[in-house]
Amino acid sequence: MNMSEMGEVVAYLLRYRSAERVPGGGRKRRAAREGQLSERDVCALIDDASDLEREALRDFLAGQGLRLKTFEAGDFPGIAPGSRYYALLPDPELEQPPLYTRQPVFEALKLRQESRSELAQWYLQLWLLMNTLLYTRYNRALSDVSRYQEATFASHELLDLLRDQLEALRALGEAAPETSRALLEERGEDLNRRVRAFIDLQVRAGLLEASGASGEDASPGDIWQQTLLGALECEQIGIHQLGHLQALAEGRLAEETA
């Protein structure tokens, strides 16, 4: 893998965040696009790279605060026999450069002239509710990566949870957190539009994908399944970004039982 090929591999990984030698779940290999390698070629270049070339690729990604992790068949369900799954993940031990921005999130969720803090509130609420569907209702920990294939939800379920959350906020009245009150100013189809935009963001990021399953009140194209990349990223968030919440909860529990 020469420097030009390495650049093409990195460009592909930045776009899709993952690559599989033999895609699982019936997914077709991503074909080559203008100025971009195919998934088959990306996997072949990484597979055939020498130790020095792999080290150079790791160093290149580390400069951007990223790490390429490799998983074999048997590491997680869904990886086909003889296949290999490459996942590009943020490295929690490294600082990411400013080129990784939240701008796509703000642009996707914006309906009027909301501030960035208001849009961040919308994203946080939707992200927490999505994880309620993917983890809490399955009695699943963030570390249960191998159960990602059973983690599905329908769009209307996320919408219903969001409506329930806002009703709970309204019931608090003046006791509702001031930072969350902007969420109560929705109009008409606002909630439905924000849910659709949020799901689209997750799909574009490779964290969700359409499931072939169908539910009682949902069509096959309206059921969403967590991807292996999504499960790996949630595990990383749980360990490195949300770990302090567990320590806080354990501290409060200790105080209550003292």
Protein backbone atom coordinates (compact mmCIF):
# COMPACT_ATOMS: atom_id res chain seq x y z
CA MET A 1 0.00 0.00 0.00
CA ASN A 2 1.69 3.18 -1.19
CA MET A 3 0.88 6.68 0.10
CA SER A 4 -1.68 7.31 -2.63
CA GLU A 5 -3.51 4.06 -1.84
CA MET A 6 -3.35 4.82 1.88
CA GLY A 7 -5.02 8.16 1.25
CA GLU A 8 -7.79 6.41 -0.71
CA VAL A 9 -8.28 3.87 2.09
CA VAL A 10 -8.55 6.64 4.68
CA ALA A 11 -10.98 8.60 2.47
CA TYR A 12 -13.21 5.53 2.23
CA LEU A 13 -13.10 4.88 5.99
CA LEU A 14 -13.90 8.51 6.79
CA ARG A 15 -16.94 8.26 4.51
CA TYR A 16 -18.35 4.91 5.67
CA ARG A 17 -16.62 4.28 9.03
CA SER A 18 -16.50 0.52 8.37
CA ALA A 19 -15.62 -2.04 5.70
CA GLU A 20 -16.22 -5.79 5.45
CA ARG A 21 -14.40 -8.34 3.34
CA VAL A 22 -17.67 -10.30 3.02
CA PRO A 23 -20.62 -8.07 4.05
CA GLY A 24 -23.08 -9.76 6.38
CA GLY A 25 -26.84 -9.48 6.63
CA GLY A 26 -27.34 -9.65 2.88
CA ARG A 27 -25.74 -6.24 2.34
CA LYS A 28 -24.10 -5.78 -1.04
CA ARG A 29 -20.49 -4.62 -1.25
CA ARG A 30 -20.16 -0.89 -1.78
CA ALA A 31 -19.11 -0.27 -5.35
CA ALA A 32 -16.43 2.18 -6.41
CA ARG A 33 -17.57 5.78 -6.81
CA GLU A 34 -15.91 8.63 -8.63
CA GLY A 35 -12.62 9.29 -6.85
CA GLN A 36 -13.25 6.53 -4.31
CA LEU A 37 -12.24 2.89 -4.04
CA SER A 38 -14.71 0.03 -3.79
CA GLU A 39 -15.20 -1.80 -0.47
CA ARG A 40 -13.54 -4.90 -1.95
CA ASP A 41 -10.41 -2.91 -2.91
CA VAL A 42 -10.21 -1.19 0.48
CA CYS A 43 -10.31 -4.53 2.33
CA ALA A 44 -7.76 -6.04 -0.05
CA LEU A 45 -5.35 -3.15 0.47
CA ILE A 46 -5.59 -3.40 4.27
CA ASP A 47 -5.37 -7.21 4.21
CA ASP A 48 -2.29 -7.21 1.99
CA ALA A 49 -0.47 -4.37 3.75
CA SER A 50 2.89 -5.12 5.33
CA ASP A 51 3.53 -4.52 9.03
CA LEU A 52 5.29 -1.25 8.20
CA GLU A 53 2.40 -0.11 6.01
CA ARG A 54 -0.13 -0.97 8.71
CA GLU A 55 1.94 0.98 11.25
CA ALA A 56 2.01 3.97 8.89
CA LEU A 57 -1.78 3.75 8.49
CA ARG A 58 -2.22 3.61 12.28
CA ASP A 59 0.03 6.65 12.71
CA PHE A 60 -1.86 8.54 10.00
CA LEU A 61 -5.21 7.87 11.67
CA ALA A 62 -3.84 8.60 15.15
CA GLY A 63 -2.94 12.10 13.93
CA GLN A 64 -6.68 12.60 13.41
CA GLY A 65 -7.68 11.10 16.77
CA LEU A 66 -8.88 7.86 15.17
CA ARG A 67 -8.17 4.15 15.48
CA LEU A 68 -8.87 1.32 13.03
CA LYS A 69 -10.04 -1.81 14.85
CA THR A 70 -10.19 -5.24 13.19
CA PHE A 71 -12.63 -8.03 14.04
CA GLU A 72 -12.67 -11.59 12.73
CA ALA A 73 -15.54 -14.05 12.25
CA GLY A 74 -16.42 -15.32 15.71
CA ASP A 75 -15.63 -12.04 17.46
CA PHE A 76 -19.21 -10.83 17.02
CA PRO A 77 -22.38 -12.23 15.44
CA GLY A 78 -22.97 -11.10 11.87
CA ILE A 79 -19.36 -11.34 10.71
CA ALA A 80 -19.39 -14.00 8.01
CA PRO A 81 -16.97 -16.96 8.12
CA GLY A 82 -13.75 -16.00 6.37
CA SER A 83 -14.64 -12.33 6.55
CA ARG A 84 -13.03 -9.47 8.42
CA TYR A 85 -14.72 -6.33 9.76
CA TYR A 86 -12.83 -3.02 9.96
CA ALA A 87 -14.30 -0.27 12.15
CA LEU A 88 -12.99 3.29 12.32
CA LEU A 89 -13.55 4.64 15.84
CA PRO A 90 -12.53 7.79 17.73
CA ASP A 91 -9.59 7.06 20.00
CA PRO A 92 -10.59 8.21 23.51
CA GLU A 93 -6.93 8.63 24.44
CA LEU A 94 -6.26 11.08 21.62
CA GLU A 95 -7.53 14.57 20.90
CA GLN A 96 -9.53 14.97 17.73
CA PRO A 97 -8.69 17.91 15.47
CA PRO A 98 -11.27 20.66 14.93
CA LEU A 99 -12.21 19.46 11.43
CA TYR A 100 -14.64 17.00 13.06
CA THR A 101 -17.57 19.30 13.76
CA ARG A 102 -21.15 18.99 14.94
CA GLN A 103 -22.36 21.11 12.02
CA PRO A 104 -24.13 18.23 10.18
CA VAL A 105 -26.17 17.57 13.35
CA PHE A 106 -27.20 21.21 13.66
CA GLU A 107 -28.11 21.45 9.99
CA ALA A 108 -30.17 18.24 10.01
CA LEU A 109 -32.22 19.04 13.13
CA LYS A 110 -32.76 22.74 12.48
CA LEU A 111 -36.34 23.67 11.58
CA ARG A 112 -36.34 27.42 12.24
CA GLN A 113 -33.84 29.70 13.99
CA GLU A 114 -32.99 27.52 16.97
CA SER A 115 -29.72 28.15 18.75
CA ARG A 116 -26.98 25.53 18.78
CA SER A 117 -27.66 24.82 22.44
CA GLU A 118 -31.33 24.14 21.65
CA LEU A 119 -30.40 21.83 18.77
CA ALA A 120 -27.91 20.05 21.04
CA GLN A 121 -30.78 19.50 23.50
CA TRP A 122 -32.88 17.94 20.75
CA TYR A 123 -30.04 15.63 19.72
CA LEU A 124 -29.31 14.59 23.31
CA GLN A 125 -32.96 13.83 24.02
CA LEU A 126 -33.33 11.77 20.85
CA TRP A 127 -30.03 9.95 21.41
CA LEU A 128 -30.99 9.00 24.97
CA LEU A 129 -34.45 7.85 23.89
CA MET A 130 -33.00 5.81 21.02
CA ASN A 131 -30.70 4.07 23.47
CA THR A 132 -33.67 3.40 25.73
CA LEU A 133 -35.10 1.41 22.82
CA LEU A 134 -31.80 -0.26 21.91
CA TYR A 135 -30.60 -1.07 25.44
CA THR A 136 -33.00 -0.51 28.34
CA ARG A 137 -35.97 -2.39 26.93
CA TYR A 138 -33.72 -5.35 26.05
CA ASN A 139 -32.15 -5.28 29.52
CA ARG A 140 -28.87 -4.82 27.68
CA ALA A 141 -25.71 -3.11 28.90
CA LEU A 142 -23.63 -0.84 26.66
CA SER A 143 -20.94 -3.52 26.87
CA ASP A 144 -23.29 -6.10 25.29
CA VAL A 145 -21.95 -5.43 21.81
CA SER A 146 -22.65 -8.95 20.56
CA ARG A 147 -26.41 -8.40 20.94
CA TYR A 148 -26.51 -5.59 18.37
CA GLN A 149 -28.51 -7.65 15.84
CA GLU A 150 -31.50 -7.97 18.17
CA ALA A 151 -31.55 -4.22 18.89
CA THR A 152 -34.28 -2.84 16.64
CA PHE A 153 -36.98 -0.20 16.88
CA ALA A 154 -39.64 1.40 14.70
CA SER A 155 -39.68 5.12 13.92
CA HIS A 156 -43.06 5.54 15.60
CA GLU A 157 -41.68 4.05 18.83
CA LEU A 158 -39.02 6.75 19.02
CA LEU A 159 -41.65 9.38 18.20
CA ASP A 160 -44.00 8.06 20.91
CA LEU A 161 -41.20 8.09 23.50
CA LEU A 162 -40.33 11.66 22.57
CA ARG A 163 -43.96 12.75 22.99
CA ASP A 164 -44.13 11.04 26.38
CA GLN A 165 -40.90 12.76 27.41
CA LEU A 166 -42.25 16.19 26.48
CA GLU A 167 -45.53 15.55 28.30
CA ALA A 168 -43.52 14.67 31.41
CA LEU A 169 -41.64 17.95 31.05
CA ARG A 170 -44.87 19.91 30.70
CA ALA A 171 -46.23 18.28 33.82
CA LEU A 172 -43.28 19.67 35.77
CA GLY A 173 -44.35 23.22 34.98
CA GLU A 174 -41.95 25.77 36.43
CA ALA A 175 -39.90 22.95 37.95
CA ALA A 176 -38.83 21.80 34.47
CA PRO A 177 -35.13 22.48 33.77
CA GLU A 178 -34.78 25.81 32.01
CA THR A 179 -32.46 24.31 29.39
CA SER A 180 -35.18 21.82 28.38
CA ARG A 181 -38.08 24.25 28.07
CA ALA A 182 -37.22 25.07 24.46
CA LEU A 183 -38.23 21.49 23.62
CA LEU A 184 -41.83 22.37 24.48
CA GLU A 185 -42.18 24.90 21.66
CA GLU A 186 -42.77 22.31 18.91
CA ARG A 187 -45.47 22.89 16.30
CA GLY A 188 -47.52 20.55 14.14
CA GLU A 189 -45.25 17.97 12.51
CA ASP A 190 -42.06 19.26 14.19
CA LEU A 191 -41.55 16.16 16.32
CA ASN A 192 -42.02 13.80 13.40
CA ARG A 193 -39.58 15.83 11.27
CA ARG A 194 -36.94 15.87 14.01
CA VAL A 195 -37.24 12.11 14.55
CA ARG A 196 -36.88 11.44 10.83
CA ALA A 197 -33.88 13.78 10.61
CA PHE A 198 -32.24 12.16 13.65
CA ILE A 199 -32.67 8.63 12.27
CA ASP A 200 -31.29 9.75 8.90
CA LEU A 201 -28.23 11.15 10.69
CA GLN A 202 -27.64 7.81 12.42
CA VAL A 203 -28.01 5.93 9.14
CA ARG A 204 -25.60 8.25 7.32
CA ALA A 205 -23.08 7.80 10.13
CA GLY A 206 -23.33 4.00 9.78
CA LEU A 207 -24.77 3.57 13.29
CA LEU A 208 -28.21 2.35 12.20
CA GLU A 209 -29.43 0.46 9.15
CA ALA A 210 -32.84 -0.52 7.81
CA SER A 211 -33.97 -3.92 9.06
CA GLY A 212 -35.85 -6.43 6.95
CA ALA A 213 -38.15 -7.15 9.90
CA SER A 214 -41.62 -5.68 10.22
CA GLY A 215 -43.63 -4.83 13.30
CA GLU A 216 -47.32 -4.68 14.09
CA ASP A 217 -47.59 -0.96 13.29
CA ALA A 218 -44.58 -0.51 11.02
CA SER A 219 -43.57 -1.46 7.50
CA PRO A 220 -40.24 -3.28 6.81
CA GLY A 221 -38.61 -0.03 5.70
CA ASP A 222 -39.53 1.66 8.97
CA ILE A 223 -37.69 -0.73 11.31
CA TRP A 224 -34.14 0.24 12.25
CA GLN A 225 -31.38 -2.02 13.55
CA GLN A 226 -28.19 -1.04 15.29
CA THR A 227 -25.03 -1.81 13.31
CA LEU A 228 -21.91 -3.40 14.76
CA LEU A 229 -20.19 -0.02 14.36
CA GLY A 230 -23.01 1.61 16.33
CA ALA A 231 -22.72 -0.95 19.13
CA LEU A 232 -18.93 -0.56 19.29
CA GLU A 233 -19.24 3.21 19.46
CA CYS A 234 -21.88 3.04 22.22
CA GLU A 235 -19.62 0.73 24.22
CA GLN A 236 -16.79 3.22 23.83
CA ILE A 237 -19.03 6.12 24.88
CA GLY A 238 -20.17 4.16 27.91
CA ILE A 239 -16.64 3.41 29.02
CA HIS A 240 -14.91 6.71 28.26
CA GLN A 241 -17.59 9.42 28.18
CA LEU A 242 -20.33 8.17 30.55
CA GLY A 243 -18.18 6.30 33.05
CA HIS A 244 -18.27 9.24 35.47
CA LEU A 245 -22.08 8.89 35.70
CA GLN A 246 -21.71 5.36 37.04
CA ALA A 247 -19.23 6.58 39.63
CA LEU A 248 -21.66 9.37 40.59
CA ALA A 249 -24.57 6.93 40.89
CA GLU A 250 -22.48 4.54 42.99
CA GLY A 251 -21.46 7.42 45.25
CA ARG A 252 -25.07 8.44 45.80
CA LEU A 253 -26.06 4.84 46.49
CA ALA A 254 -23.31 4.56 49.07
CA GLU A 255 -24.56 7.74 50.78
CA GLU A 256 -28.15 6.46 50.89
CA THR A 257 -27.13 3.14 52.44
CA ALA A 258 -24.68 4.66 54.91
